[in-house]
Structures are given as C-alpha cells and as structure tokens.
C-alpha cells in the first residue's frame, strides 16, 4: 500500500500535543496525546495514560512533548 501526495501546494508537517495532568484525583497519572500531519493527512497519532506519576503540570507537559518528539524521530 502506498500513500501518494500530489504536489499542488507546498507540503508541510504539523504536530500537535497535549497533556492532561492529574485529571483523575485517585491516581494523578498523566494522560497525553499527540498528532502529526503531512499535508492534509494524519500520519501518526497516539493517546494514552502513562504509568508514571507526575508531580506538576510543567513536568507533565515536558514529559508529553518528549514522548511525542521521540515518536516522530
């Protein structure tokens, strides 16, 4: 199977990520998600609850962006 993109416009890669820190008060685990698109098509996405505990929202955002970066590389 092949994915074919027509070069009508300049193709760009876009990435989005978000983290939800401590939304569940019983376990305070991070739920993170990310999505990467190339042109108008989504090429990679993920959403999952992490097994680790985060002590702050800054740490949660940092961990989430690290996970997304590692996945795209």
PDB file of N, CA and C in Angstrom:
ATOM      1  N   UNK A   1       0.844  -1.163   0.000  1.00  0.00           N
ATOM      2  CA  UNK A   1       0.000   0.000   0.000  1.00  0.00           C
ATOM      3  C   UNK A   1       0.899   1.239   0.000  1.00  0.00           C
ATOM      4  N   UNK A   2       0.536   2.222  -0.800  1.00  0.00           N
ATOM      5  CA  UNK A   2       1.309   3.454  -0.924  1.00  0.00           C
ATOM      6  C   UNK A   2       0.445   4.647  -0.550  1.00  0.00           C
ATOM      7  N   UNK A   3       1.063   5.652   0.052  1.00  0.00           N
ATOM      8  CA  UNK A   3       0.401   6.929   0.274  1.00  0.00           C
ATOM      9  C   UNK A   3       0.982   7.902  -0.738  1.00  0.00           C
ATOM     10  N   UNK A   4       0.132   8.476  -1.558  1.00  0.00           N
ATOM     11  CA  UNK A   4       0.592   9.389  -2.596  1.00  0.00           C
ATOM     12  C   UNK A   4       0.037  10.780  -2.318  1.00  0.00           C
ATOM     13  N   UNK A   5       0.931  11.769  -2.267  1.00  0.00           N
ATOM     14  CA  UNK A   5       0.541  13.165  -2.092  1.00  0.00           C
ATOM     15  C   UNK A   5       0.843  13.913  -3.378  1.00  0.00           C
ATOM     16  N   UNK A   6      -0.127  14.646  -3.860  1.00  0.00           N
ATOM     17  CA  UNK A   6       0.105  15.466  -5.032  1.00  0.00           C
ATOM     18  C   UNK A   6       0.751  16.773  -4.605  1.00  0.00           C
ATOM     19  N   UNK A   7       1.688  17.249  -5.391  1.00  0.00           N
ATOM     20  CA  UNK A   7       2.435  18.459  -5.042  1.00  0.00           C
ATOM     21  C   UNK A   7       1.757  19.715  -5.591  1.00  0.00           C
ATOM     22  N   UNK A   8       0.453  19.845  -5.349  1.00  0.00           N
ATOM     23  CA  UNK A   8      -0.262  21.042  -5.785  1.00  0.00           C
ATOM     24  C   UNK A   8       0.159  22.245  -4.940  1.00  0.00           C
ATOM     25  N   UNK A   9       0.319  22.022  -3.676  1.00  0.00           N
ATOM     26  CA  UNK A   9       0.756  23.066  -2.744  1.00  0.00           C
ATOM     27  C   UNK A   9       2.001  22.577  -2.024  1.00  0.00           C
ATOM     28  N   UNK A  10       2.658  23.494  -1.370  1.00  0.00           N
ATOM     29  CA  UNK A  10       3.832  23.105  -0.585  1.00  0.00           C
ATOM     30  C   UNK A  10       3.360  22.267   0.609  1.00  0.00           C
ATOM     31  N   UNK A  11       3.884  21.055   0.721  1.00  0.00           N
ATOM     32  CA  UNK A  11       3.500  20.168   1.818  1.00  0.00           C
ATOM     33  C   UNK A  11       4.258  20.544   3.075  1.00  0.00           C
ATOM     34  N   UNK A  12       3.560  20.562   4.206  1.00  0.00           N
ATOM     35  CA  UNK A  12       4.170  20.892   5.484  1.00  0.00           C
ATOM     36  C   UNK A  12       3.822  19.835   6.520  1.00  0.00           C
ATOM     37  N   UNK A  13       4.725  19.651   7.455  1.00  0.00           N
ATOM     38  CA  UNK A  13       4.490  18.768   8.581  1.00  0.00           C
ATOM     39  C   UNK A  13       4.026  19.621   9.759  1.00  0.00           C
ATOM     40  N   UNK A  14       2.920  19.209  10.390  1.00  0.00           N
ATOM     41  CA  UNK A  14       2.402  19.894  11.569  1.00  0.00           C
ATOM     42  C   UNK A  14       2.287  18.884  12.700  1.00  0.00           C
ATOM     43  N   UNK A  15       2.615  19.316  13.898  1.00  0.00           N
ATOM     44  CA  UNK A  15       2.495  18.452  15.066  1.00  0.00           C
ATOM     45  C   UNK A  15       1.754  19.158  16.175  1.00  0.00           C
ATOM     46  N   UNK A  16       0.922  18.423  16.881  1.00  0.00           N
ATOM     47  CA  UNK A  16       0.148  18.948  17.994  1.00  0.00           C
ATOM     48  C   UNK A  16       0.246  17.954  19.143  1.00  0.00           C
ATOM     49  N   UNK A  17       0.330  18.477  20.363  1.00  0.00           N
ATOM     50  CA  UNK A  17       0.353  17.597  21.529  1.00  0.00           C
ATOM     51  C   UNK A  17      -0.352  18.285  22.679  1.00  0.00           C
ATOM     52  N   UNK A  18      -0.863  17.470  23.590  1.00  0.00           N
ATOM     53  CA  UNK A  18      -1.500  17.997  24.784  1.00  0.00           C
ATOM     54  C   UNK A  18      -1.335  16.977  25.895  1.00  0.00           C
ATOM     55  N   UNK A  19      -1.345  17.466  27.115  1.00  0.00           N
ATOM     56  CA  UNK A  19      -1.245  16.601  28.281  1.00  0.00           C
ATOM     57  C   UNK A  19      -2.300  17.028  29.295  1.00  0.00           C
ATOM     58  N   UNK A  20      -2.910  16.057  29.940  1.00  0.00           N
ATOM     59  CA  UNK A  20      -3.900  16.309  30.971  1.00  0.00           C
ATOM     60  C   UNK A  20      -3.343  15.758  32.268  1.00  0.00           C
ATOM     61  N   UNK A  21      -2.853  16.649  33.100  1.00  0.00           N
ATOM     62  CA  UNK A  21      -2.196  16.241  34.338  1.00  0.00           C
ATOM     63  C   UNK A  21      -3.211  16.147  35.457  1.00  0.00           C
ATOM     64  N   UNK A  22      -3.217  15.038  36.130  1.00  0.00           N
ATOM     65  CA  UNK A  22      -3.969  14.834  37.367  1.00  0.00           C
ATOM     66  C   UNK A  22      -5.472  15.034  37.220  1.00  0.00           C
ATOM     67  N   UNK A  23      -6.043  14.695  36.082  1.00  0.00           N
ATOM     68  CA  UNK A  23      -7.494  14.823  35.942  1.00  0.00           C
ATOM     69  C   UNK A  23      -8.221  13.770  36.776  1.00  0.00           C
ATOM     70  N   UNK A  24      -7.566  12.650  37.026  1.00  0.00           N
ATOM     71  CA  UNK A  24      -8.132  11.609  37.866  1.00  0.00           C
ATOM     72  C   UNK A  24      -7.518  11.754  39.254  1.00  0.00           C
ATOM     73  N   UNK A  25      -8.298  12.229  40.219  1.00  0.00           N
ATOM     74  CA  UNK A  25      -7.758  12.511  41.548  1.00  0.00           C
ATOM     75  C   UNK A  25      -7.347  11.258  42.313  1.00  0.00           C
ATOM     76  N   UNK A  26      -7.792  10.089  41.877  1.00  0.00           N
ATOM     77  CA  UNK A  26      -7.435   8.874  42.601  1.00  0.00           C
ATOM     78  C   UNK A  26      -6.017   8.403  42.310  1.00  0.00           C
ATOM     79  N   UNK A  27      -5.486   8.661  41.079  1.00  0.00           N
ATOM     80  CA  UNK A  27      -4.133   8.180  40.797  1.00  0.00           C
ATOM     81  C   UNK A  27      -3.192   9.248  40.242  1.00  0.00           C
ATOM     82  N   UNK A  28      -3.699  10.416  39.858  1.00  0.00           N
ATOM     83  CA  UNK A  28      -2.881  11.554  39.400  1.00  0.00           C
ATOM     84  C   UNK A  28      -1.950  11.212  38.243  1.00  0.00           C
ATOM     85  N   UNK A  29      -2.338  10.288  37.399  1.00  0.00           N
ATOM     86  CA  UNK A  29      -1.484   9.936  36.266  1.00  0.00           C
ATOM     87  C   UNK A  29      -1.735  10.856  35.075  1.00  0.00           C
ATOM     88  N   UNK A  30      -0.721  10.986  34.256  1.00  0.00           N
ATOM     89  CA  UNK A  30      -0.755  11.834  33.080  1.00  0.00           C
ATOM     90  C   UNK A  30      -1.445  11.121  31.923  1.00  0.00           C
ATOM     91  N   UNK A  31      -2.351  11.815  31.263  1.00  0.00           N
ATOM     92  CA  UNK A  31      -2.898  11.348  30.002  1.00  0.00           C
ATOM     93  C   UNK A  31      -2.368  12.282  28.930  1.00  0.00           C
ATOM     94  N   UNK A  32      -1.658  11.738  27.953  1.00  0.00           N
ATOM     95  CA  UNK A  32      -1.098  12.591  26.915  1.00  0.00           C
ATOM     96  C   UNK A  32      -1.526  12.111  25.543  1.00  0.00           C
ATOM     97  N   UNK A  33      -1.459  13.022  24.587  1.00  0.00           N
ATOM     98  CA  UNK A  33      -1.799  12.681  23.223  1.00  0.00           C
ATOM     99  C   UNK A  33      -1.056  13.578  22.256  1.00  0.00           C
ATOM    100  N   UNK A  34      -0.836  13.061  21.048  1.00  0.00           N
ATOM    101  CA  UNK A  34      -0.209  13.868  20.019  1.00  0.00           C
ATOM    102  C   UNK A  34      -0.688  13.410  18.648  1.00  0.00           C
ATOM    103  N   UNK A  35      -0.511  14.305  17.662  1.00  0.00           N
ATOM    104  CA  UNK A  35      -0.917  14.029  16.297  1.00  0.00           C
ATOM    105  C   UNK A  35       0.033  14.765  15.365  1.00  0.00           C
ATOM    106  N   UNK A  36       0.483  14.075  14.315  1.00  0.00           N
ATOM    107  CA  UNK A  36       1.323  14.690  13.296  1.00  0.00           C
ATOM    108  C   UNK A  36       0.636  14.526  11.953  1.00  0.00           C
ATOM    109  N   UNK A  37       0.638  15.599  11.173  1.00  0.00           N
ATOM    110  CA  UNK A  37       0.046  15.541   9.840  1.00  0.00           C
ATOM    111  C   UNK A  37       1.073  15.974   8.801  1.00  0.00           C
ATOM    112  N   UNK A  38       0.912  15.443   7.612  1.00  0.00           N
ATOM    113  CA  UNK A  38       1.760  15.792   6.473  1.00  0.00           C
ATOM    114  C   UNK A  38       0.814  16.180   5.353  1.00  0.00           C
ATOM    115  N   UNK A  39       0.846  17.445   4.961  1.00  0.00           N
ATOM    116  CA  UNK A  39      -0.160  17.923   4.025  1.00  0.00           C
ATOM    117  C   UNK A  39      -1.501  17.923   4.721  1.00  0.00           C
ATOM    118  N   UNK A  40      -2.487  17.281   4.136  1.00  0.00           N
ATOM    119  CA  UNK A  40      -3.815  17.238   4.751  1.00  0.00           C
ATOM    120  C   UNK A  40      -4.108  15.904   5.426  1.00  0.00           C
ATOM    121  N   UNK A  41      -3.119  15.006   5.486  1.00  0.00           N
ATOM    122  CA  UNK A  41      -3.355  13.681   6.048  1.00  0.00           C
ATOM    123  C   UNK A  41      -2.628  13.451   7.358  1.00  0.00           C
ATOM    124  N   UNK A  42      -3.313  12.830   8.300  1.00  0.00           N
ATOM    125  CA  UNK A  42      -2.694  12.453   9.574  1.00  0.00           C
ATOM    126  C   UNK A  42      -1.796  11.247   9.331  1.00  0.00           C
ATOM    127  N   UNK A  43      -0.537  11.332   9.770  1.00  0.00           N
ATOM    128  CA  UNK A  43       0.396  10.234   9.549  1.00  0.00           C
ATOM    129  C   UNK A  43       0.779   9.516  10.840  1.00  0.00           C
ATOM    130  N   UNK A  44       0.529  10.131  11.991  1.00  0.00           N
ATOM    131  CA  UNK A  44       0.859   9.484  13.256  1.00  0.00           C
ATOM    132  C   UNK A  44       0.046  10.133  14.364  1.00  0.00           C
ATOM    133  N   UNK A  45      -0.504   9.316  15.278  1.00  0.00           N
ATOM    134  CA  UNK A  45      -1.210   9.858  16.426  1.00  0.00           C
ATOM    135  C   UNK A  45      -1.183   8.851  17.556  1.00  0.00           C
ATOM    136  N   UNK A  46      -1.360   9.355  18.765  1.00  0.00           N
ATOM    137  CA  UNK A  46      -1.389   8.487  19.938  1.00  0.00           C
ATOM    138  C   UNK A  46      -2.099   9.210  21.076  1.00  0.00           C
ATOM    139  N   UNK A  47      -2.743   8.454  21.923  1.00  0.00           N
ATOM    140  CA  UNK A  47      -3.356   8.969  23.136  1.00  0.00           C
ATOM    141  C   UNK A  47      -3.347   7.842  24.157  1.00  0.00           C
ATOM    142  N   UNK A  48      -2.730   8.098  25.314  1.00  0.00           N
ATOM    143  CA  UNK A  48      -2.694   7.042  26.319  1.00  0.00           C
ATOM    144  C   UNK A  48      -2.396   7.601  27.704  1.00  0.00           C
ATOM    145  N   UNK A  49      -2.749   6.800  28.696  1.00  0.00           N
ATOM    146  CA  UNK A  49      -2.463   7.147  30.085  1.00  0.00           C
ATOM    147  C   UNK A  49      -1.099   6.577  30.436  1.00  0.00           C
ATOM    148  N   UNK A  50      -0.233   7.407  30.980  1.00  0.00           N
ATOM    149  CA  UNK A  50       1.116   6.983  31.313  1.00  0.00           C
ATOM    150  C   UNK A  50       1.137   6.251  32.655  1.00  0.00           C
ATOM    151  N   UNK A  51       2.053   5.292  32.812  1.00  0.00           N
ATOM    152  CA  UNK A  51       2.108   4.521  34.058  1.00  0.00           C
ATOM    153  C   UNK A  51       2.791   5.263  35.206  1.00  0.00           C
ATOM    154  N   UNK A  52       3.377   6.425  34.926  1.00  0.00           N
ATOM    155  CA  UNK A  52       4.121   7.154  35.956  1.00  0.00           C
ATOM    156  C   UNK A  52       3.310   8.307  36.520  1.00  0.00           C
ATOM    157  N   UNK A  53       3.686   8.736  37.700  1.00  0.00           N
ATOM    158  CA  UNK A  53       3.067   9.859  38.394  1.00  0.00           C
ATOM    159  C   UNK A  53       3.871  11.120  38.096  1.00  0.00           C
ATOM    160  N   UNK A  54       3.192  12.214  37.794  1.00  0.00           N
ATOM    161  CA  UNK A  54       3.860  13.497  37.561  1.00  0.00           C
ATOM    162  C   UNK A  54       3.572  14.417  38.741  1.00  0.00           C
ATOM    163  N   UNK A  55       4.591  15.138  39.201  1.00  0.00           N
ATOM    164  CA  UNK A  55       4.423  15.979  40.375  1.00  0.00           C
ATOM    165  C   UNK A  55       3.956  17.393  40.060  1.00  0.00           C
ATOM    166  N   UNK A  56       3.969  17.803  38.782  1.00  0.00           N
ATOM    167  CA  UNK A  56       3.498  19.133  38.420  1.00  0.00           C
ATOM    168  C   UNK A  56       3.009  19.156  36.980  1.00  0.00           C
ATOM    169  N   UNK A  57       2.234  20.182  36.648  1.00  0.00           N
ATOM    170  CA  UNK A  57       1.750  20.292  35.271  1.00  0.00           C
ATOM    171  C   UNK A  57       2.886  20.595  34.305  1.00  0.00           C
ATOM    172  N   UNK A  58       3.914  21.305  34.761  1.00  0.00           N
ATOM    173  CA  UNK A  58       5.076  21.588  33.916  1.00  0.00           C
ATOM    174  C   UNK A  58       5.811  20.298  33.578  1.00  0.00           C
ATOM    175  N   UNK A  59       6.000  19.441  34.561  1.00  0.00           N
ATOM    176  CA  UNK A  59       6.646  18.153  34.329  1.00  0.00           C
ATOM    177  C   UNK A  59       5.811  17.295  33.383  1.00  0.00           C
ATOM    178  N   UNK A  60       4.493  17.354  33.518  1.00  0.00           N
ATOM    179  CA  UNK A  60       3.604  16.583  32.653  1.00  0.00           C
ATOM    180  C   UNK A  60       3.720  17.048  31.207  1.00  0.00           C
ATOM    181  N   UNK A  61       3.738  18.358  30.980  1.00  0.00           N
ATOM    182  CA  UNK A  61       3.874  18.888  29.618  1.00  0.00           C
ATOM    183  C   UNK A  61       5.239  18.538  29.035  1.00  0.00           C
ATOM    184  N   UNK A  62       6.285  18.616  29.849  1.00  0.00           N
ATOM    185  CA  UNK A  62       7.631  18.285  29.391  1.00  0.00           C
ATOM    186  C   UNK A  62       7.710  16.807  28.986  1.00  0.00           C
ATOM    187  N   UNK A  63       7.171  15.936  29.815  1.00  0.00           N
ATOM    188  CA  UNK A  63       7.196  14.503  29.510  1.00  0.00           C
ATOM    189  C   UNK A  63       6.380  14.203  28.254  1.00  0.00           C
ATOM    190  N   UNK A  64       5.231  14.839  28.112  1.00  0.00           N
ATOM    191  CA  UNK A  64       4.387  14.607  26.955  1.00  0.00           C
ATOM    192  C   UNK A  64       5.070  15.058  25.671  1.00  0.00           C
ATOM    193  N   UNK A  65       5.725  16.209  25.688  1.00  0.00           N
ATOM    194  CA  UNK A  65       6.414  16.681  24.488  1.00  0.00           C
ATOM    195  C   UNK A  65       7.614  15.805  24.167  1.00  0.00           C
ATOM    196  N   UNK A  66       8.281  15.260  25.185  1.00  0.00           N
ATOM    197  CA  UNK A  66       9.394  14.341  24.966  1.00  0.00           C
ATOM    198  C   UNK A  66       8.924  13.047  24.308  1.00  0.00           C
ATOM    199  N   UNK A  67       7.801  12.515  24.769  1.00  0.00           N
ATOM    200  CA  UNK A  67       7.246  11.296  24.194  1.00  0.00           C
ATOM    201  C   UNK A  67       6.880  11.519  22.725  1.00  0.00           C
ATOM    202  N   UNK A  68       6.246  12.640  22.427  1.00  0.00           N
ATOM    203  CA  UNK A  68       5.864  12.951  21.040  1.00  0.00           C
ATOM    204  C   UNK A  68       7.087  13.122  20.164  1.00  0.00           C
ATOM    205  N   UNK A  69       8.117  13.806  20.664  1.00  0.00           N
ATOM    206  CA  UNK A  69       9.337  14.025  19.890  1.00  0.00           C
ATOM    207  C   UNK A  69      10.040  12.700  19.588  1.00  0.00           C
ATOM    208  N   UNK A  70      10.148  11.846  20.587  1.00  0.00           N
ATOM    209  CA  UNK A  70      10.791  10.539  20.376  1.00  0.00           C
ATOM    210  C   UNK A  70      10.019   9.727  19.350  1.00  0.00           C
ATOM    211  N   UNK A  71       8.702   9.791  19.380  1.00  0.00           N
ATOM    212  CA  UNK A  71       7.914   9.014  18.446  1.00  0.00           C
ATOM    213  C   UNK A  71       8.066   9.510  17.015  1.00  0.00           C
ATOM    214  N   UNK A  72       8.129  10.805  16.820  1.00  0.00           N
ATOM    215  CA  UNK A  72       8.231  11.341  15.461  1.00  0.00           C
ATOM    216  C   UNK A  72       9.624  11.137  14.882  1.00  0.00           C
ATOM    217  N   UNK A  73      10.651  11.141  15.736  1.00  0.00           N
ATOM    218  CA  UNK A  73      12.026  10.916  15.267  1.00  0.00           C
ATOM    219  C   UNK A  73      12.169   9.474  14.844  1.00  0.00           C
TER     220      UNK A  73
END
